[in-house]
Amino acid sequence: MSHDNEKAIRAAYQVAEEQDVAGWIAAFTEDGTFTDMSLPLTYRGPEELGRTVEVYAKAFPDMHRELERFYVTGDIVVVQLRLQGTHLGPLELPSGTVPPTGRRMDAPCCDVFELVDGRIKRFDCYPSGTVIAAQLGLV
């Protein structure tokens, strides 16, 4: 089962990489959540989950998630990764919109997933907001 859960998460990253909003939403349970812990902001259910892919695809059209390590225990999958991309579009945040800086980010991140029947029920994303802000020249 742990191999299947890792495969499900790898597939979810792939649809995000392809900016496939419908595929991303389909990776979640009907009541699934995505929380960006650096903001913090939680997206809930099919009507909000696609927004996560749209916001980051707009701000970082070349966004890449460099997957480094997977840790799987039953229905919990933890992933160490790097968020990489060039800030070429507006980045919409709860505090306001950050205009494009043209700068590149390569920031550490840790993602924690809880799955139910191979679909994501809860996704907590822990990006290094301070590293991202520094790399984009915001601090």
C-alpha atoms as a PDB file:
ATOM      1  CA  MET A   1       0.000   0.000   0.000  1.00  0.00           C
ATOM      2  CA  SER A   2       2.810   2.470   0.803  1.00  0.00           C
ATOM      3  CA  HIS A   3       4.146   2.082  -2.749  1.00  0.00           C
ATOM      4  CA  ASP A   4       0.668   2.904  -4.105  1.00  0.00           C
ATOM      5  CA  ASN A   5       0.465   6.019  -1.914  1.00  0.00           C
ATOM      6  CA  GLU A   6       3.864   7.213  -3.120  1.00  0.00           C
ATOM      7  CA  LYS A   7       2.724   6.645  -6.714  1.00  0.00           C
ATOM      8  CA  ALA A   8      -0.457   8.656  -6.069  1.00  0.00           C
ATOM      9  CA  ILE A   9       1.555  11.588  -4.700  1.00  0.00           C
ATOM     10  CA  ARG A  10       4.073  11.449  -7.558  1.00  0.00           C
ATOM     11  CA  ALA A  11       1.116  11.553  -9.978  1.00  0.00           C
ATOM     12  CA  ALA A  12      -0.339  14.580  -8.143  1.00  0.00           C
ATOM     13  CA  TYR A  13       2.972  16.432  -8.440  1.00  0.00           C
ATOM     14  CA  GLN A  14       3.039  15.611 -12.149  1.00  0.00           C
ATOM     15  CA  VAL A  15      -0.415  17.091 -12.824  1.00  0.00           C
ATOM     16  CA  ALA A  16       0.584  20.210 -10.862  1.00  0.00           C
ATOM     17  CA  GLU A  17       3.755  20.428 -12.945  1.00  0.00           C
ATOM     18  CA  GLU A  18       1.635  20.183 -16.114  1.00  0.00           C
ATOM     19  CA  GLN A  19      -0.686  22.883 -14.697  1.00  0.00           C
ATOM     20  CA  ASP A  20      -3.599  20.463 -15.121  1.00  0.00           C
ATOM     21  CA  VAL A  21      -6.154  22.023 -12.777  1.00  0.00           C
ATOM     22  CA  ALA A  22      -8.816  19.323 -13.317  1.00  0.00           C
ATOM     23  CA  GLY A  23      -6.247  16.569 -12.721  1.00  0.00           C
ATOM     24  CA  TRP A  24      -5.068  18.298  -9.560  1.00  0.00           C
ATOM     25  CA  ILE A  25      -8.605  18.568  -8.180  1.00  0.00           C
ATOM     26  CA  ALA A  26      -9.251  14.896  -9.059  1.00  0.00           C
ATOM     27  CA  ALA A  27      -6.242  13.865  -6.922  1.00  0.00           C
ATOM     28  CA  PHE A  28      -8.152  15.020  -3.809  1.00  0.00           C
ATOM     29  CA  THR A  29     -11.110  13.616  -1.911  1.00  0.00           C
ATOM     30  CA  GLU A  30     -14.333  15.626  -2.202  1.00  0.00           C
ATOM     31  CA  ASP A  31     -13.580  17.297   1.168  1.00  0.00           C
ATOM     32  CA  GLY A  32      -9.818  17.511   0.609  1.00  0.00           C
ATOM     33  CA  THR A  33      -7.746  20.459   1.806  1.00  0.00           C
ATOM     34  CA  PHE A  34      -4.478  22.120   0.836  1.00  0.00           C
ATOM     35  CA  THR A  35      -2.841  24.396   3.415  1.00  0.00           C
ATOM     36  CA  ASP A  36       0.100  26.637   2.559  1.00  0.00           C
ATOM     37  CA  MET A  37       1.609  26.873   6.037  1.00  0.00           C
ATOM     38  CA  SER A  38       3.834  29.829   5.132  1.00  0.00           C
ATOM     39  CA  LEU A  39       0.848  32.159   4.687  1.00  0.00           C
ATOM     40  CA  PRO A  40      -1.200  30.355   6.310  1.00  0.00           C
ATOM     41  CA  LEU A  41      -4.021  29.787   3.873  1.00  0.00           C
ATOM     42  CA  THR A  42      -6.262  26.745   3.417  1.00  0.00           C
ATOM     43  CA  TYR A  43      -8.028  25.835   0.186  1.00  0.00           C
ATOM     44  CA  ARG A  44     -11.010  23.502   0.626  1.00  0.00           C
ATOM     45  CA  GLY A  45     -12.884  21.277  -1.790  1.00  0.00           C
ATOM     46  CA  PRO A  46     -13.081  21.225  -5.577  1.00  0.00           C
ATOM     47  CA  GLU A  47     -14.159  24.866  -5.879  1.00  0.00           C
ATOM     48  CA  GLU A  48     -10.935  26.154  -4.217  1.00  0.00           C
ATOM     49  CA  LEU A  49      -8.228  23.513  -4.749  1.00  0.00           C
ATOM     50  CA  GLY A  50      -7.602  24.398  -8.391  1.00  0.00           C
ATOM     51  CA  ARG A  51      -6.735  27.926  -7.335  1.00  0.00           C
ATOM     52  CA  THR A  52      -3.415  26.706  -5.878  1.00  0.00           C
ATOM     53  CA  VAL A  53      -2.187  25.499  -9.266  1.00  0.00           C
ATOM     54  CA  GLU A  54      -3.500  28.609 -11.042  1.00  0.00           C
ATOM     55  CA  VAL A  55      -1.842  31.103  -8.663  1.00  0.00           C
ATOM     56  CA  TYR A  56       1.599  29.495  -8.818  1.00  0.00           C
ATOM     57  CA  ALA A  57       1.435  28.774 -12.571  1.00  0.00           C
ATOM     58  CA  LYS A  58       0.646  32.446 -13.199  1.00  0.00           C
ATOM     59  CA  ALA A  59       3.460  33.730 -10.967  1.00  0.00           C
ATOM     60  CA  PHE A  60       6.015  31.042 -11.922  1.00  0.00           C
ATOM     61  CA  PRO A  61       5.158  29.718 -15.404  1.00  0.00           C
ATOM     62  CA  ASP A  62       8.265  27.475 -15.319  1.00  0.00           C
ATOM     63  CA  MET A  63       7.513  26.152 -11.810  1.00  0.00           C
ATOM     64  CA  HIS A  64       9.267  22.876 -11.078  1.00  0.00           C
ATOM     65  CA  ARG A  65       9.108  20.742  -7.970  1.00  0.00           C
ATOM     66  CA  GLU A  66      12.400  18.880  -7.524  1.00  0.00           C
ATOM     67  CA  LEU A  67      11.378  15.834  -5.479  1.00  0.00           C
ATOM     68  CA  GLU A  68      14.227  14.762  -3.214  1.00  0.00           C
ATOM     69  CA  ARG A  69      12.995  12.234  -0.625  1.00  0.00           C
ATOM     70  CA  PHE A  70       9.787  10.348   0.135  1.00  0.00           C
ATOM     71  CA  TYR A  71       8.840   8.915   3.531  1.00  0.00           C
ATOM     72  CA  VAL A  72       5.731   6.736   3.569  1.00  0.00           C
ATOM     73  CA  THR A  73       3.969   5.323   6.620  1.00  0.00           C
ATOM     74  CA  GLY A  74       0.582   3.861   5.788  1.00  0.00           C
ATOM     75  CA  ASP A  75      -1.634   6.664   4.491  1.00  0.00           C
ATOM     76  CA  ILE A  76       0.842   9.430   5.390  1.00  0.00           C
ATOM     77  CA  VAL A  77       3.390  10.571   2.795  1.00  0.00           C
ATOM     78  CA  VAL A  78       6.064  13.154   3.600  1.00  0.00           C
ATOM     79  CA  VAL A  79       8.108  14.663   0.774  1.00  0.00           C
ATOM     80  CA  GLN A  80      11.241  16.780   0.939  1.00  0.00           C
ATOM     81  CA  LEU A  81      11.523  18.870  -2.204  1.00  0.00           C
ATOM     82  CA  ARG A  82      12.704  22.122  -3.725  1.00  0.00           C
ATOM     83  CA  LEU A  83      10.399  24.692  -5.327  1.00  0.00           C
ATOM     84  CA  GLN A  84      12.080  26.123  -8.394  1.00  0.00           C
ATOM     85  CA  GLY A  85      10.875  28.759 -10.829  1.00  0.00           C
ATOM     86  CA  THR A  86      11.226  32.253 -12.228  1.00  0.00           C
ATOM     87  CA  HIS A  87       8.888  34.949 -10.928  1.00  0.00           C
ATOM     88  CA  LEU A  88       7.500  36.233 -14.242  1.00  0.00           C
ATOM     89  CA  GLY A  89       3.882  36.963 -13.322  1.00  0.00           C
ATOM     90  CA  PRO A  90       1.912  38.498 -10.451  1.00  0.00           C
ATOM     91  CA  LEU A  91       1.942  36.429  -7.248  1.00  0.00           C
ATOM     92  CA  GLU A  92      -1.424  36.691  -5.506  1.00  0.00           C
ATOM     93  CA  LEU A  93      -1.148  36.427  -1.724  1.00  0.00           C
ATOM     94  CA  PRO A  94      -3.715  37.116   1.007  1.00  0.00           C
ATOM     95  CA  SER A  95      -1.708  40.239   1.901  1.00  0.00           C
ATOM     96  CA  GLY A  96      -1.772  41.554  -1.684  1.00  0.00           C
ATOM     97  CA  THR A  97      -0.237  40.951  -5.095  1.00  0.00           C
ATOM     98  CA  VAL A  98       3.532  40.838  -5.573  1.00  0.00           C
ATOM     99  CA  PRO A  99       4.475  42.137  -9.040  1.00  0.00           C
ATOM    100  CA  PRO A 100       6.920  40.019 -11.072  1.00  0.00           C
ATOM    101  CA  THR A 101      10.548  40.420 -10.017  1.00  0.00           C
ATOM    102  CA  GLY A 102      12.091  38.338 -12.817  1.00  0.00           C
ATOM    103  CA  ARG A 103      14.130  36.584 -10.134  1.00  0.00           C
ATOM    104  CA  ARG A 104      14.582  32.862  -9.739  1.00  0.00           C
ATOM    105  CA  MET A 105      13.696  30.894  -6.640  1.00  0.00           C
ATOM    106  CA  ASP A 106      15.082  27.556  -5.505  1.00  0.00           C
ATOM    107  CA  ALA A 107      13.632  27.046  -2.050  1.00  0.00           C
ATOM    108  CA  PRO A 108      13.376  24.078   0.295  1.00  0.00           C
ATOM    109  CA  CYS A 109       9.943  22.723   1.102  1.00  0.00           C
ATOM    110  CA  CYS A 110       8.404  19.839   3.019  1.00  0.00           C
ATOM    111  CA  ASP A 111       4.971  18.494   2.099  1.00  0.00           C
ATOM    112  CA  VAL A 112       2.832  16.252   4.291  1.00  0.00           C
ATOM    113  CA  PHE A 113      -0.049  14.315   2.739  1.00  0.00           C
ATOM    114  CA  GLU A 114      -2.817  12.223   4.277  1.00  0.00           C
ATOM    115  CA  LEU A 115      -4.490   9.888   1.801  1.00  0.00           C
ATOM    116  CA  VAL A 116      -7.790   8.036   1.827  1.00  0.00           C
ATOM    117  CA  ASP A 117      -8.218   5.286  -0.752  1.00  0.00           C
ATOM    118  CA  GLY A 118      -5.356   6.689  -2.831  1.00  0.00           C
ATOM    119  CA  ARG A 119      -6.671  10.270  -2.896  1.00  0.00           C
ATOM    120  CA  ILE A 120      -5.430  13.287  -0.949  1.00  0.00           C
ATOM    121  CA  LYS A 121      -7.577  14.183   2.050  1.00  0.00           C
ATOM    122  CA  ARG A 122      -5.130  16.665   3.545  1.00  0.00           C
ATOM    123  CA  PHE A 123      -2.058  18.354   2.096  1.00  0.00           C
ATOM    124  CA  ASP A 124       0.025  20.592   4.361  1.00  0.00           C
ATOM    125  CA  CYS A 125       2.763  22.436   2.464  1.00  0.00           C
ATOM    126  CA  TYR A 126       5.674  23.921   4.433  1.00  0.00           C
ATOM    127  CA  PRO A 127       7.638  26.071   1.948  1.00  0.00           C
ATOM    128  CA  SER A 128      10.438  28.230   3.309  1.00  0.00           C
ATOM    129  CA  GLY A 129       8.703  31.568   2.914  1.00  0.00           C
ATOM    130  CA  THR A 130      11.731  33.487   4.191  1.00  0.00           C
ATOM    131  CA  VAL A 131      14.015  31.872   1.600  1.00  0.00           C
ATOM    132  CA  ILE A 132      11.498  32.551  -1.179  1.00  0.00           C
ATOM    133  CA  ALA A 133      11.069  36.187  -0.105  1.00  0.00           C
ATOM    134  CA  ALA A 134      14.852  36.699   0.020  1.00  0.00           C
ATOM    135  CA  GLN A 135      15.436  35.074  -3.355  1.00  0.00           C
ATOM    136  CA  LEU A 136      12.718  37.219  -4.942  1.00  0.00           C
ATOM    137  CA  GLY A 137      14.268  40.336  -3.406  1.00  0.00           C
ATOM    138  CA  LEU A 138      11.284  41.093  -1.192  1.00  0.00           C
ATOM    139  CA  VAL A 139      13.276  41.405   2.050  1.00  0.00           C
END
